[in-house]
Protein backbone atom coordinates (compact mmCIF):
# COMPACT_ATOMS: atom_id res chain seq x y z
CA MET A 1 4.56 -110.51 142.26
CA ALA A 2 5.38 -109.45 138.70
CA GLU A 3 2.81 -107.22 137.03
CA PRO A 4 2.07 -109.65 134.14
CA VAL A 5 1.31 -112.40 136.67
CA GLN A 6 -0.95 -110.11 138.68
CA GLU A 7 -2.76 -109.17 135.48
CA GLU A 8 -3.13 -112.85 134.60
CA LEU A 9 -4.65 -113.65 138.01
CA SER A 10 -7.09 -110.75 137.70
CA ALA A 11 -8.10 -111.91 134.23
CA LEU A 12 -8.60 -115.48 135.43
CA ALA A 13 -10.78 -114.29 138.32
CA ALA A 14 -12.92 -112.37 135.82
CA ILE A 15 -13.19 -115.31 133.40
CA PHE A 16 -13.99 -117.96 136.01
CA CYS A 17 -16.50 -115.89 137.91
CA GLY A 18 -19.23 -118.48 138.43
CA PRO A 19 -19.97 -120.13 141.80
CA ARG A 20 -16.93 -122.10 143.01
CA GLU A 21 -15.14 -121.72 139.66
CA TRP A 22 -12.20 -119.76 141.09
CA GLU A 23 -10.47 -119.80 144.48
CA VAL A 24 -7.07 -118.52 145.61
CA LEU A 25 -5.77 -121.07 148.13
CA SER A 26 -2.54 -119.39 149.24
CA ARG A 27 -0.27 -116.50 148.32
CA SER A 28 3.16 -115.57 149.61
CA GLU A 29 6.28 -113.76 148.44
CA LYS A 30 8.36 -116.86 149.18
CA ASP A 31 6.25 -119.68 147.74
CA GLY A 32 4.20 -117.90 145.08
CA THR A 33 0.47 -118.35 144.48
CA VAL A 34 -1.72 -121.45 144.57
CA PHE A 35 -5.25 -121.30 143.15
CA ARG A 36 -7.99 -123.66 142.03
CA ILE A 37 -10.19 -123.61 138.95
CA HIS A 38 -13.32 -125.74 138.59
CA THR A 39 -14.32 -126.30 134.98
CA LYS A 40 -15.78 -128.92 132.65
CA ALA A 41 -14.49 -130.57 129.50
CA GLU A 42 -15.99 -132.97 126.99
CA GLY A 43 -14.85 -136.48 127.75
CA LEU A 44 -15.56 -139.86 126.21
CA MET A 45 -19.03 -140.47 124.79
CA ASN A 46 -19.51 -136.68 124.57
CA VAL A 47 -20.17 -136.50 128.32
CA ASP A 48 -19.03 -133.40 130.23
CA VAL A 49 -16.40 -134.22 132.85
CA PRO A 50 -15.98 -131.87 135.85
CA LEU A 51 -12.33 -131.01 136.48
CA GLU A 52 -10.62 -129.53 139.51
CA LEU A 53 -7.36 -127.92 138.39
CA VAL A 54 -4.96 -126.62 141.03
CA PHE A 55 -2.10 -124.44 139.80
CA HIS A 56 0.98 -123.36 141.74
CA LEU A 57 2.74 -120.33 140.28
CA PRO A 58 6.26 -120.11 141.77
CA VAL A 59 7.71 -116.65 142.35
CA ASN A 60 9.78 -116.90 139.15
CA TYR A 61 6.80 -117.93 136.95
CA PRO A 62 6.49 -117.67 133.94
CA LEU A 63 10.24 -118.20 133.67
CA CYS A 64 9.49 -121.67 135.03
CA LEU A 65 6.60 -124.08 134.63
CA PRO A 66 3.63 -123.96 136.97
CA GLY A 67 2.87 -126.83 139.33
CA ILE A 68 -0.33 -128.60 138.29
CA SER A 69 -2.66 -130.97 140.11
CA VAL A 70 -5.70 -132.57 138.43
CA ASN A 71 -8.63 -134.17 140.22
CA SER A 72 -12.04 -135.42 139.10
CA GLU A 73 -14.56 -137.80 140.59
CA HIS A 74 -15.27 -138.96 137.02
CA LEU A 75 -11.67 -139.97 136.23
CA THR A 76 -9.31 -142.57 137.62
CA ARG A 77 -6.10 -141.46 139.30
CA GLY A 78 -4.16 -142.72 136.31
CA GLN A 79 -6.29 -140.62 133.96
CA CYS A 80 -5.75 -137.57 136.16
CA MET A 81 -1.99 -138.12 136.01
CA THR A 82 -2.16 -138.44 132.21
CA VAL A 83 -4.08 -135.15 131.96
CA LYS A 84 -1.51 -133.49 134.22
CA GLU A 85 1.41 -134.68 132.11
CA LYS A 86 -0.24 -133.51 128.88
CA LEU A 87 -0.87 -130.09 130.43
CA LEU A 88 2.78 -129.83 131.46
CA LYS A 89 3.89 -130.67 127.92
CA GLU A 90 1.64 -127.91 126.60
CA ALA A 91 3.02 -125.56 129.26
CA GLU A 92 6.54 -126.12 127.95
CA LYS A 93 5.43 -124.63 124.62
CA LEU A 94 4.15 -121.50 126.38
CA LEU A 95 7.12 -120.91 128.67
CA LEU A 96 8.07 -117.25 129.36
CA GLU A 97 4.50 -115.97 128.95
CA PRO A 98 1.32 -116.20 131.09
CA MET A 99 -0.24 -119.52 130.16
CA ILE A 100 -2.93 -120.67 132.59
CA HIS A 101 -5.97 -119.64 130.53
CA GLU A 102 -4.41 -121.23 127.44
CA LEU A 103 -3.89 -124.46 129.37
CA VAL A 104 -7.49 -124.54 130.59
CA LEU A 105 -8.78 -123.91 127.07
CA TRP A 106 -6.50 -126.64 125.74
CA ILE A 107 -7.78 -129.31 128.12
CA GLN A 108 -11.38 -128.25 127.52
CA GLN A 109 -10.83 -128.86 123.81
CA ASN A 110 -8.64 -131.96 124.06
CA LEU A 111 -9.74 -133.99 127.09
CA ARG A 112 -11.54 -136.56 124.94
CA HIS A 113 -8.39 -137.20 122.92
CA VAL A 114 -6.24 -137.40 126.08
CA LEU A 115 -8.57 -139.97 127.65
CA ASN A 116 -8.32 -142.14 124.53
CA GLN A 117 -4.62 -142.60 125.23
CA PRO A 118 -3.23 -145.23 127.66
CA GLU A 119 -2.98 -144.18 131.31
CA THR A 120 0.53 -143.43 132.48
CA GLY A 121 -0.08 -144.09 136.17
CA SER A 122 3.54 -143.48 137.05
CA GLY A 123 3.25 -139.73 137.30
CA CYS A 124 6.78 -139.40 135.95
CA GLU A 125 7.37 -135.97 134.48
CA LYS A 126 9.86 -133.14 134.39
CA CYS A 127 10.22 -130.89 137.41
CA THR A 128 7.16 -128.65 137.50
CA PHE A 129 8.65 -126.07 139.80
CA SER A 130 11.81 -124.96 138.02
CA ILE A 131 12.81 -125.03 134.38
CA SER A 132 16.37 -124.06 135.26
CA THR A 133 17.15 -127.34 137.03
CA ALA A 134 16.99 -130.91 135.86
CA VAL A 135 14.71 -133.53 137.35
CA ASP A 136 15.66 -134.09 140.98
CA ASP A 137 17.78 -137.23 141.16
CA GLY A 138 17.16 -139.59 144.06
CA LEU A 139 14.64 -139.48 146.87
CA TRP A 140 13.45 -136.62 149.05
CA LEU A 141 12.26 -136.71 152.65
CA THR A 142 9.60 -134.46 154.19
CA LEU A 143 8.29 -134.40 157.76
CA LEU A 144 4.80 -132.97 158.36
CA HIS A 145 2.95 -132.18 161.58
CA LEU A 146 -0.84 -132.31 161.90
CA ASP A 147 -2.58 -130.46 164.71
CA HIS A 148 -5.48 -132.90 164.96
CA MET A 149 -7.43 -135.58 163.11
CA ARG A 150 -11.13 -135.77 163.94
CA ALA A 151 -12.40 -138.13 161.21
CA ARG A 152 -9.50 -140.46 161.85
CA THR A 153 -10.57 -143.54 159.87
CA LYS A 154 -11.49 -141.57 156.75
CA TYR A 155 -8.41 -139.36 157.08
CA ILE A 156 -6.04 -142.34 157.32
CA ARG A 157 -7.70 -144.04 154.36
CA THR A 158 -7.32 -140.86 152.28
CA VAL A 159 -3.65 -140.44 153.20
CA GLU A 160 -2.96 -144.07 152.31
CA LYS A 161 -4.65 -143.62 148.93
CA TRP A 162 -2.70 -140.44 148.13
CA THR A 163 0.64 -141.97 149.04
CA SER A 164 -0.17 -145.09 147.02
CA ASP A 165 -1.24 -143.08 143.96
CA LEU A 166 1.86 -140.87 144.16
CA ARG A 167 4.19 -143.77 144.95
CA LEU A 168 5.34 -142.29 148.23
CA THR A 169 6.60 -144.33 151.16
CA GLY A 170 7.11 -143.46 154.82
CA ARG A 171 5.07 -143.35 158.00
CA LEU A 172 1.89 -141.88 159.48
CA MET A 173 2.80 -141.77 163.18
CA PHE A 174 0.64 -141.27 166.27
CA LEU A 175 1.92 -140.61 169.78
CA GLY A 176 -0.91 -139.38 171.96
CA LYS A 177 -2.01 -136.08 170.39
CA ILE A 178 1.13 -135.83 168.27
CA ILE A 179 0.50 -136.71 164.60
CA LEU A 180 3.40 -136.84 162.15
CA ILE A 181 3.62 -137.78 158.48
CA LEU A 182 7.02 -138.78 157.12
CA LEU A 183 7.07 -138.88 153.32
CA GLN A 184 9.81 -140.28 151.12
CA GLY A 185 9.83 -140.23 147.33
CA ASP A 186 10.04 -138.06 144.25
CA ARG A 187 10.09 -134.37 145.17
CA ASP A 188 7.34 -133.44 142.72
CA SER A 189 5.14 -136.21 144.11
CA ILE A 190 5.65 -134.84 147.63
CA LYS A 191 4.73 -131.35 146.41
CA GLU A 192 1.58 -132.74 144.80
CA TYR A 193 0.75 -134.56 148.03
CA LEU A 194 0.95 -131.24 149.90
CA ILE A 195 -1.40 -129.62 147.40
CA LEU A 196 -3.90 -132.46 147.89
CA GLN A 197 -3.52 -132.26 151.67
CA LYS A 198 -4.20 -128.52 151.73
CA THR A 199 -6.97 -128.32 149.15
CA SER A 200 -9.09 -131.44 149.81
CA LYS A 201 -11.82 -131.74 152.43
CA VAL A 202 -10.07 -134.53 154.26
CA ASP A 203 -11.31 -133.95 157.83
CA VAL A 204 -14.36 -132.58 159.70
CA ASP A 205 -14.66 -129.52 161.93
CA SER A 206 -16.04 -129.39 165.47
CA ASN A 207 -19.57 -129.42 164.03
CA GLY A 208 -18.94 -132.53 161.97
CA LYS A 209 -18.85 -130.61 158.68
CA LYS A 210 -16.27 -131.59 156.05
CA CYS A 211 -13.32 -129.19 156.03
CA LYS A 212 -9.87 -128.67 154.52
CA GLU A 213 -6.66 -129.23 156.45
CA LYS A 214 -5.57 -125.81 157.68
CA MET A 215 -3.39 -126.92 160.58
CA ILE A 216 -0.60 -128.75 158.78
CA SER A 217 3.00 -127.59 158.92
CA VAL A 218 6.14 -128.72 157.13
CA LEU A 219 8.75 -129.32 159.83
CA PHE A 220 11.61 -130.38 157.60
CA GLU A 221 12.54 -131.43 154.07
CA THR A 222 15.79 -132.63 152.57
CA LYS A 223 17.22 -134.84 149.89
CA VAL A 224 17.65 -138.37 151.25
CA GLN A 225 21.20 -138.87 152.48
CA THR A 226 23.25 -142.06 152.52
CA GLU A 227 22.60 -142.58 156.23
CA HIS A 228 18.83 -142.41 155.79
CA LYS A 229 16.80 -145.61 155.59
CA ARG A 230 14.87 -146.27 152.36
CA PHE A 231 11.27 -147.02 153.31
CA LEU A 232 9.74 -149.84 151.25
CA ALA A 233 6.11 -148.96 151.97
CA PHE A 234 3.86 -146.39 153.64
CA GLU A 235 2.73 -147.61 157.05
CA VAL A 236 0.43 -146.29 159.78
CA LYS A 237 1.98 -146.79 163.22
CA GLU A 238 0.93 -145.88 166.76
CA TYR A 239 3.43 -145.51 169.62
CA SER A 240 2.71 -145.76 173.33
CA THR A 241 5.88 -144.01 174.49
CA LEU A 242 8.22 -141.29 173.31
CA ASP A 243 11.08 -143.79 173.40
CA GLU A 244 9.31 -145.97 170.84
CA LEU A 245 8.86 -143.02 168.50
CA GLN A 246 12.48 -141.99 168.99
CA LYS A 247 13.64 -145.50 168.15
CA GLU A 248 11.65 -145.35 164.89
CA PHE A 249 13.50 -142.19 163.88
CA GLU A 250 16.88 -143.53 164.97
CA THR A 251 16.38 -146.77 163.03
CA ALA A 252 15.64 -144.66 159.95
CA GLY A 253 18.87 -142.70 160.45
CA LEU A 254 16.92 -139.62 161.52
CA LYS A 255 18.15 -139.14 165.08
CA LYS A 256 19.09 -135.49 164.51
CA LEU A 257 15.74 -134.79 162.87
CA PHE A 258 13.95 -136.21 165.90
CA SER A 259 15.98 -134.10 168.33
CA GLU A 260 15.56 -130.85 166.42
CA PHE A 261 11.93 -131.05 165.31
CA VAL A 262 9.98 -133.71 167.18
CA LEU A 263 11.07 -133.31 170.80
CA GLY A 264 9.81 -129.71 170.79
CA LEU A 265 6.28 -130.97 170.07
CA VAL A 266 6.16 -132.91 173.33
CA LYS A 267 4.52 -130.83 176.04
């Protein structure tokens, strides 16, 4: 990690030092750093709105834009997407220098004005993970594996909401204890889905207490190829046999993917 970035993270930890204001979610030399900031900003009618801001700093940040996810129980999903897009536009002005604190200050001062604007809802923005490449053309495909799902009904409902909000299609697939999520859509939307999946309390632990998803793994991701089926919706499906699951993959043009990554999960 570059020294300026390390200094920025240390400064942020010192600034957001109150209870639950600051949390590092993950850190690696390959994927960079993901952290969360809880703050408040003045919204409409001069009412303070709590904001959960998740930032992903890629390894080549600040030469590229950070990934940003915005959540608030006081805002609609469309409003959250609008806030995210405005933050990314501000980030473009600050490229090449540490910018996170400036972005947080900006939204604290401007949230009311942002909320007065029409919701975008589409979540269509420039690539938030690399300034050196253009927006990814076409669809991307990602296969995820979940270790377990205790609060199944709530979990499924949450996954369906996230995929709907982010305009992702695909499948949530159950075969006995095997749980797979196949996502198809815009690459940035898939990345934001993964941030939500890893940072939200979507399940419960063995004691029934709400917990984050720590047992999710990305098995495979690729740009959708010509032989791959275009999913029209996100569906939850349960299979009684391995053959049924295999047929689902083969129908979607994913026979090789099934052989390489799914068969190994069957014990």
